[in-house]
C-alpha atoms as a PDB file:
ATOM      1  CA  MET A   1       0.000   0.000   0.000  1.00  0.00           C
ATOM      2  CA  SER A   2       1.616   3.196  -1.108  1.00  0.00           C
ATOM      3  CA  ILE A   3       0.594   6.738  -0.218  1.00  0.00           C
ATOM      4  CA  ASP A   4       0.572   9.245  -3.015  1.00  0.00           C
ATOM      5  CA  LEU A   5       2.018  12.407  -1.473  1.00  0.00           C
ATOM      6  CA  LEU A   6       0.465  14.686  -4.087  1.00  0.00           C
ATOM      7  CA  THR A   7      -3.164  13.667  -3.377  1.00  0.00           C
ATOM      8  CA  LEU A   8      -2.893  13.592   0.400  1.00  0.00           C
ATOM      9  CA  PRO A   9      -2.464  17.345   0.916  1.00  0.00           C
ATOM     10  CA  SER A  10      -5.410  18.209  -1.364  1.00  0.00           C
ATOM     11  CA  GLU A  11      -7.655  15.700   0.432  1.00  0.00           C
ATOM     12  CA  VAL A  12      -6.576  17.093   3.791  1.00  0.00           C
ATOM     13  CA  PHE A  13      -7.164  20.615   2.516  1.00  0.00           C
ATOM     14  CA  ILE A  14     -10.689  19.712   1.334  1.00  0.00           C
ATOM     15  CA  PHE A  15     -11.441  17.973   4.641  1.00  0.00           C
ATOM     16  CA  PHE A  16     -10.349  20.957   6.730  1.00  0.00           C
ATOM     17  CA  SER A  17     -12.121  23.386   4.392  1.00  0.00           C
ATOM     18  CA  CYS A  18     -15.391  21.485   4.810  1.00  0.00           C
ATOM     19  CA  LEU A  19     -14.872  21.333   8.559  1.00  0.00           C
ATOM     20  CA  LEU A  20     -14.259  25.087   8.662  1.00  0.00           C
ATOM     21  CA  VAL A  21     -17.401  25.803   6.607  1.00  0.00           C
ATOM     22  CA  LEU A  22     -19.508  23.607   8.904  1.00  0.00           C
ATOM     23  CA  LEU A  23     -18.072  25.336  11.956  1.00  0.00           C
ATOM     24  CA  LEU A  24     -18.810  28.795  10.515  1.00  0.00           C
ATOM     25  CA  VAL A  25     -22.383  27.806   9.606  1.00  0.00           C
ATOM     26  CA  TRP A  26     -22.942  26.430  13.127  1.00  0.00           C
ATOM     27  CA  TYR A  27     -21.550  29.645  14.665  1.00  0.00           C
ATOM     28  CA  TRP A  28     -23.777  31.823  12.419  1.00  0.00           C
ATOM     29  CA  ILE A  29     -26.919  29.837  13.340  1.00  0.00           C
ATOM     30  CA  ALA A  30     -26.070  30.047  17.056  1.00  0.00           C
ATOM     31  CA  TRP A  31     -25.559  33.819  16.719  1.00  0.00           C
ATOM     32  CA  LEU A  32     -28.963  34.228  15.016  1.00  0.00           C
ATOM     33  CA  ILE A  33     -30.714  32.239  17.750  1.00  0.00           C
ATOM     34  CA  LEU A  34     -29.054  34.278  20.519  1.00  0.00           C
ATOM     35  CA  ALA A  35     -29.933  37.572  18.802  1.00  0.00           C
ATOM     36  CA  ASP A  36     -33.603  36.519  18.512  1.00  0.00           C
ATOM     37  CA  GLU A  37     -33.713  35.453  22.179  1.00  0.00           C
ATOM     38  CA  GLU A  38     -32.258  38.811  23.300  1.00  0.00           C
ATOM     39  CA  GLU A  39     -34.821  40.690  21.188  1.00  0.00           C
ATOM     40  CA  GLU A  40     -37.696  38.616  22.630  1.00  0.00           C
ATOM     41  CA  GLU A  41     -36.431  39.250  26.172  1.00  0.00           C
ATOM     42  CA  GLU A  42     -36.342  43.023  25.557  1.00  0.00           C
ATOM     43  CA  SER A  43     -39.860  42.858  24.115  1.00  0.00           C
ATOM     44  CA  ARG A  44     -41.112  40.991  27.198  1.00  0.00           C
ATOM     45  CA  GLU A  45     -39.505  43.600  29.498  1.00  0.00           C
ATOM     46  CA  ILE A  46     -41.183  46.458  27.630  1.00  0.00           C
ATOM     47  CA  GLY A  47     -44.494  44.585  27.579  1.00  0.00           C
ATOM     48  CA  GLY A  48     -44.319  44.117  31.349  1.00  0.00           C
ATOM     49  CA  ASP A  49     -43.836  47.861  31.798  1.00  0.00           C
ATOM     50  CA  ILE A  50     -46.831  48.604  29.615  1.00  0.00           C
ATOM     51  CA  GLU A  51     -49.093  46.070  31.332  1.00  0.00           C
ATOM     52  CA  SER A  52     -48.086  47.239  34.817  1.00  0.00           C
ATOM     53  CA  GLY A  53     -48.868  50.862  34.026  1.00  0.00           C
ATOM     54  CA  ALA A  54     -45.299  52.007  34.667  1.00  0.00           C
ATOM     55  CA  ALA A  55     -44.727  52.604  30.986  1.00  0.00           C
ATOM     56  CA  HIS A  56     -45.953  56.168  30.787  1.00  0.00           C
ATOM     57  CA  THR A  57     -43.592  57.458  33.460  1.00  0.00           C
ATOM     58  CA  SER A  58     -40.252  55.865  32.660  1.00  0.00           C
ATOM     59  CA  LEU A  59     -39.871  53.600  29.675  1.00  0.00           C
ATOM     60  CA  PRO A  60     -36.491  52.115  28.843  1.00  0.00           C
ATOM     61  CA  GLN A  61     -35.111  52.884  25.423  1.00  0.00           C
ATOM     62  CA  THR A  62     -35.360  49.897  23.120  1.00  0.00           C
ATOM     63  CA  ARG A  63     -31.748  49.850  22.063  1.00  0.00           C
ATOM     64  CA  ASN A  64     -32.302  47.005  19.620  1.00  0.00           C
ATOM     65  CA  ALA A  65     -35.088  48.663  17.624  1.00  0.00           C
ATOM     66  CA  SER A  66     -33.331  52.046  17.637  1.00  0.00           C
ATOM     67  CA  PHE A  67     -30.119  50.407  16.455  1.00  0.00           C
ATOM     68  CA  PHE A  68     -31.763  48.610  13.568  1.00  0.00           C
ATOM     69  CA  ILE A  69     -33.789  51.618  12.453  1.00  0.00           C
ATOM     70  CA  ALA A  70     -30.793  53.951  12.647  1.00  0.00           C
ATOM     71  CA  ASN A  71     -28.650  51.512  10.698  1.00  0.00           C
ATOM     72  CA  ALA A  72     -31.324  51.084   8.026  1.00  0.00           C
ATOM     73  CA  ARG A  73     -30.355  54.502   6.687  1.00  0.00           C
ATOM     74  CA  GLY A  74     -26.787  53.284   6.315  1.00  0.00           C
ATOM     75  CA  GLY A  75     -27.891  50.063   4.683  1.00  0.00           C
ATOM     76  CA  ILE A  76     -26.325  47.879   7.379  1.00  0.00           C
ATOM     77  CA  ALA A  77     -29.348  46.381   9.115  1.00  0.00           C
ATOM     78  CA  PRO A  78     -31.150  43.297   7.803  1.00  0.00           C
ATOM     79  CA  TRP A  79     -34.375  44.260   6.018  1.00  0.00           C
ATOM     80  CA  HIS A  80     -36.581  41.857   8.008  1.00  0.00           C
ATOM     81  CA  ARG A  81     -35.718  43.587  11.284  1.00  0.00           C
ATOM     82  CA  ILE A  82     -36.878  46.926   9.850  1.00  0.00           C
ATOM     83  CA  LEU A  83     -40.072  45.805   8.120  1.00  0.00           C
ATOM     84  CA  PHE A  84     -41.305  43.714  11.026  1.00  0.00           C
ATOM     85  CA  THR A  85     -40.875  46.108  13.945  1.00  0.00           C
ATOM     86  CA  PRO A  86     -41.885  44.307  17.147  1.00  0.00           C
ATOM     87  CA  LYS A  87     -45.382  45.079  18.387  1.00  0.00           C
ATOM     88  CA  MET A  88     -43.951  45.807  21.811  1.00  0.00           C
ATOM     89  CA  HIS A  89     -41.818  48.605  20.405  1.00  0.00           C
ATOM     90  CA  ILE A  90     -44.825  50.124  18.619  1.00  0.00           C
ATOM     91  CA  ALA A  91     -46.860  49.847  21.837  1.00  0.00           C
ATOM     92  CA  ASN A  92     -44.010  51.506  23.739  1.00  0.00           C
ATOM     93  CA  LEU A  93     -44.044  54.455  21.331  1.00  0.00           C
ATOM     94  CA  ALA A  94     -47.851  54.668  21.436  1.00  0.00           C
ATOM     95  CA  VAL A  95     -47.898  54.811  25.250  1.00  0.00           C
ATOM     96  CA  ARG A  96     -45.328  57.617  25.161  1.00  0.00           C
ATOM     97  CA  ALA A  97     -47.530  59.588  22.749  1.00  0.00           C
ATOM     98  CA  MET A  98     -50.554  59.530  25.079  1.00  0.00           C
ATOM     99  CA  PRO A  99     -51.288  62.179  27.705  1.00  0.00           C
ATOM    100  CA  PRO A 100     -50.747  61.227  31.379  1.00  0.00           C
ATOM    101  CA  VAL A 101     -53.411  59.339  33.322  1.00  0.00           C
ATOM    102  CA  ILE A 102     -55.855  61.390  35.383  1.00  0.00           C
ATOM    103  CA  PRO A 103     -58.219  60.500  38.233  1.00  0.00           C
ATOM    104  CA  PHE A 104     -61.896  60.170  37.318  1.00  0.00           C
ATOM    105  CA  GLN A 105     -64.217  62.561  39.135  1.00  0.00           C
ATOM    106  CA  GLU A 106     -67.923  62.037  38.639  1.00  0.00           C
ATOM    107  CA  ASP A 107     -68.833  65.592  39.621  1.00  0.00           C
ATOM    108  CA  GLN A 108     -67.112  67.134  36.581  1.00  0.00           C
ATOM    109  CA  THR A 109     -69.916  68.557  34.448  1.00  0.00           C
ATOM    110  CA  THR A 110     -67.983  68.548  31.159  1.00  0.00           C
ATOM    111  CA  ARG A 111     -67.284  64.819  31.285  1.00  0.00           C
ATOM    112  CA  SER A 112     -69.745  62.929  29.082  1.00  0.00           C
ATOM    113  CA  GLN A 113     -67.972  59.565  29.111  1.00  0.00           C
ATOM    114  CA  THR A 114     -68.735  57.542  32.253  1.00  0.00           C
ATOM    115  CA  HIS A 115     -67.560  54.067  31.230  1.00  0.00           C
ATOM    116  CA  CYS A 116     -64.586  52.416  29.552  1.00  0.00           C
ATOM    117  CA  PRO A 117     -65.470  51.597  25.916  1.00  0.00           C
ATOM    118  CA  ILE A 118     -63.223  48.512  25.971  1.00  0.00           C
ATOM    119  CA  CYS A 119     -64.349  46.650  29.117  1.00  0.00           C
ATOM    120  CA  LEU A 120     -67.704  48.508  29.401  1.00  0.00           C
ATOM    121  CA  LEU A 121     -67.261  49.009  33.168  1.00  0.00           C
ATOM    122  CA  GLN A 122     -68.340  52.319  34.710  1.00  0.00           C
ATOM    123  CA  PHE A 123     -65.627  54.607  35.972  1.00  0.00           C
ATOM    124  CA  THR A 124     -65.853  55.298  39.708  1.00  0.00           C
ATOM    125  CA  ASN A 125     -64.483  58.264  41.621  1.00  0.00           C
ATOM    126  CA  GLY A 126     -60.729  57.945  42.028  1.00  0.00           C
ATOM    127  CA  ASP A 127     -60.253  55.465  39.149  1.00  0.00           C
ATOM    128  CA  LEU A 128     -57.273  56.345  37.005  1.00  0.00           C
ATOM    129  CA  ILE A 129     -58.345  56.938  33.426  1.00  0.00           C
ATOM    130  CA  GLN A 130     -56.211  57.280  30.335  1.00  0.00           C
ATOM    131  CA  PRO A 131     -57.154  59.928  27.749  1.00  0.00           C
ATOM    132  CA  PHE A 132     -56.186  58.562  24.343  1.00  0.00           C
ATOM    133  CA  GLY A 133     -54.654  61.621  22.771  1.00  0.00           C
ATOM    134  CA  LEU A 134     -56.067  64.004  20.220  1.00  0.00           C
ATOM    135  CA  CYS A 135     -59.617  62.647  20.499  1.00  0.00           C
ATOM    136  CA  PHE A 136     -59.524  62.401  24.323  1.00  0.00           C
ATOM    137  CA  HIS A 137     -61.668  59.273  24.571  1.00  0.00           C
ATOM    138  CA  GLU A 138     -60.933  57.773  27.987  1.00  0.00           C
ATOM    139  CA  PHE A 139     -60.120  54.214  29.032  1.00  0.00           C
ATOM    140  CA  HIS A 140     -58.822  52.246  31.971  1.00  0.00           C
ATOM    141  CA  PRO A 141     -55.016  52.287  31.538  1.00  0.00           C
ATOM    142  CA  SER A 142     -54.852  48.469  31.575  1.00  0.00           C
ATOM    143  CA  CYS A 143     -57.570  48.242  28.891  1.00  0.00           C
ATOM    144  CA  ILE A 144     -55.918  50.669  26.467  1.00  0.00           C
ATOM    145  CA  HIS A 145     -52.452  49.195  27.100  1.00  0.00           C
ATOM    146  CA  SER A 146     -53.830  45.766  26.209  1.00  0.00           C
ATOM    147  CA  TRP A 147     -55.236  47.278  23.003  1.00  0.00           C
ATOM    148  CA  LEU A 148     -51.834  48.789  22.181  1.00  0.00           C
ATOM    149  CA  LEU A 149     -49.992  45.526  22.898  1.00  0.00           C
ATOM    150  CA  HIS A 150     -51.834  44.037  19.916  1.00  0.00           C
ATOM    151  CA  GLY A 151     -50.027  46.530  17.678  1.00  0.00           C
ATOM    152  CA  LYS A 152     -52.964  48.899  17.265  1.00  0.00           C
ATOM    153  CA  THR A 153     -52.218  52.614  17.409  1.00  0.00           C
ATOM    154  CA  SER A 154     -55.684  53.999  16.699  1.00  0.00           C
ATOM    155  CA  CYS A 155     -58.435  54.908  19.161  1.00  0.00           C
ATOM    156  CA  PRO A 156     -60.823  51.944  19.620  1.00  0.00           C
ATOM    157  CA  VAL A 157     -63.797  54.344  19.428  1.00  0.00           C
ATOM    158  CA  CYS A 158     -63.096  56.847  16.639  1.00  0.00           C
ATOM    159  CA  ARG A 159     -59.999  55.245  15.009  1.00  0.00           C
ATOM    160  CA  MET A 160     -57.939  58.444  15.282  1.00  0.00           C
ATOM    161  CA  GLU A 161     -54.246  57.525  15.052  1.00  0.00           C
ATOM    162  CA  LEU A 162     -51.716  58.376  17.745  1.00  0.00           C
ATOM    163  CA  PRO A 163     -48.900  60.544  16.387  1.00  0.00           C
ATOM    164  CA  ILE A 164     -45.980  58.091  16.648  1.00  0.00           C
ATOM    165  CA  THR A 165     -42.842  57.809  14.557  1.00  0.00           C
ATOM    166  CA  LEU A 166     -40.332  54.992  14.424  1.00  0.00           C
ATOM    167  CA  HIS A 167     -37.365  57.403  14.515  1.00  0.00           C
ATOM    168  CA  HIS A 168     -36.048  58.674  17.861  1.00  0.00           C
END
């Protein structure tokens, strides 16, 4: 059995080249999975702020979404991260665009709305209510935040859009 010295190096080169390609593909897939998990974790954190009612006072910046949108102008970011902006980020921006919550007071004569149009429960004195924005329809904060978490940015009553932009 003789070993041809000229074919051995090319076979070894092909073997190590294939091994290197497989290793790079595995590393790339692992990087994509980790990036998606980090993005989902940030979305859950923002969603928790919105659901708890703490969102309108101090919302964290969504570094991921800002990064991808800013880099879209430079052509660096992947297109799917721009076109499919997470609903949580849109909800975060919508909550920021709304006026602050106010306490409901039944004795105000100018107030014509006495119930939440989403859950249909009557407002009681001292309940916190959330004016929507330009139209000033009022909701329980948890009801309107739930509406926004579904990616909707219009008033559930009159469909007036909140003035949000995806650029910071």
